[in-house]
C-alpha atoms as a PDB file:
ATOM      1  CA  MET A   1      -5.834 -24.993  14.995  1.00  0.00           C
ATOM      2  CA  LYS A   2      -7.199 -21.833  13.683  1.00  0.00           C
ATOM      3  CA  ARG A   3      -4.891 -19.577  11.557  1.00  0.00           C
ATOM      4  CA  TRP A   4      -4.038 -16.113  12.110  1.00  0.00           C
ATOM      5  CA  TRP A   5      -3.561 -13.611   8.974  1.00  0.00           C
ATOM      6  CA  LEU A   6      -3.253  -9.449   9.777  1.00  0.00           C
ATOM      7  CA  ASP A   7      -5.772  -7.510   8.127  1.00  0.00           C
ATOM      8  CA  GLU A   8      -3.455  -4.937   6.211  1.00  0.00           C
ATOM      9  CA  ARG A   9      -6.268  -2.717   4.619  1.00  0.00           C
ATOM     10  CA  ALA A  10      -7.711  -2.184   8.940  1.00  0.00           C
ATOM     11  CA  HIS A  11      -4.141  -1.458  10.067  1.00  0.00           C
ATOM     12  CA  ALA A  12      -2.664   0.251   7.221  1.00  0.00           C
ATOM     13  CA  GLY A  13      -2.551   4.571   7.908  1.00  0.00           C
ATOM     14  CA  ARG A  14      -5.038   6.422   5.912  1.00  0.00           C
ATOM     15  CA  GLY A  15      -1.073   7.829   3.638  1.00  0.00           C
ATOM     16  CA  HIS A  16      -0.779   4.067   3.219  1.00  0.00           C
ATOM     17  CA  LEU A  17      -4.128   4.014   0.962  1.00  0.00           C
ATOM     18  CA  ASP A  18      -3.821   7.274  -1.034  1.00  0.00           C
ATOM     19  CA  SER A  19      -3.437   7.246  -4.487  1.00  0.00           C
ATOM     20  CA  LEU A  20      -1.690  10.073  -4.424  1.00  0.00           C
ATOM     21  CA  TYR A  21       0.365   9.413  -0.997  1.00  0.00           C
ATOM     22  CA  VAL A  22       1.407   5.884  -2.648  1.00  0.00           C
ATOM     23  CA  ALA A  23       2.711   7.958  -6.114  1.00  0.00           C
ATOM     24  CA  GLY A  24       4.463  11.037  -4.710  1.00  0.00           C
ATOM     25  CA  TYR A  25       6.649   8.213  -1.987  1.00  0.00           C
ATOM     26  CA  GLU A  26       7.287   5.937  -5.143  1.00  0.00           C
ATOM     27  CA  ARG A  27       8.636   8.764  -7.336  1.00  0.00           C
ATOM     28  CA  LYS A  28      10.770  10.388  -4.515  1.00  0.00           C
ATOM     29  CA  ALA A  29      11.707   6.178  -3.076  1.00  0.00           C
ATOM     30  CA  GLY A  30      13.558   6.492  -6.729  1.00  0.00           C
ATOM     31  CA  SER A  31      12.884   2.104  -6.750  1.00  0.00           C
ATOM     32  CA  GLY A  32      11.573   2.712 -10.769  1.00  0.00           C
ATOM     33  CA  HIS A  33       9.128  -0.066  -9.341  1.00  0.00           C
ATOM     34  CA  THR A  34       6.174   0.272 -11.123  1.00  0.00           C
ATOM     35  CA  SER A  35       2.883  -1.054  -9.574  1.00  0.00           C
ATOM     36  CA  LYS A  36      -0.625  -2.463 -10.671  1.00  0.00           C
ATOM     37  CA  ARG A  37      -2.467  -2.112  -7.851  1.00  0.00           C
ATOM     38  CA  ARG A  38      -5.824  -3.472  -8.153  1.00  0.00           C
ATOM     39  CA  SER A  39      -9.497  -1.076  -6.601  1.00  0.00           C
ATOM     40  CA  PRO A  40     -10.477  -2.470  -3.886  1.00  0.00           C
END
């Protein structure tokens, strides 16, 4: 049986891949989470 995995990058909205958008969202969310995002 072939396994199926969602291609998250292909289905993400443009904002979710924009580092400025993500930084603004994380700042507003106030979760205190720091991201170690790797460049594609």
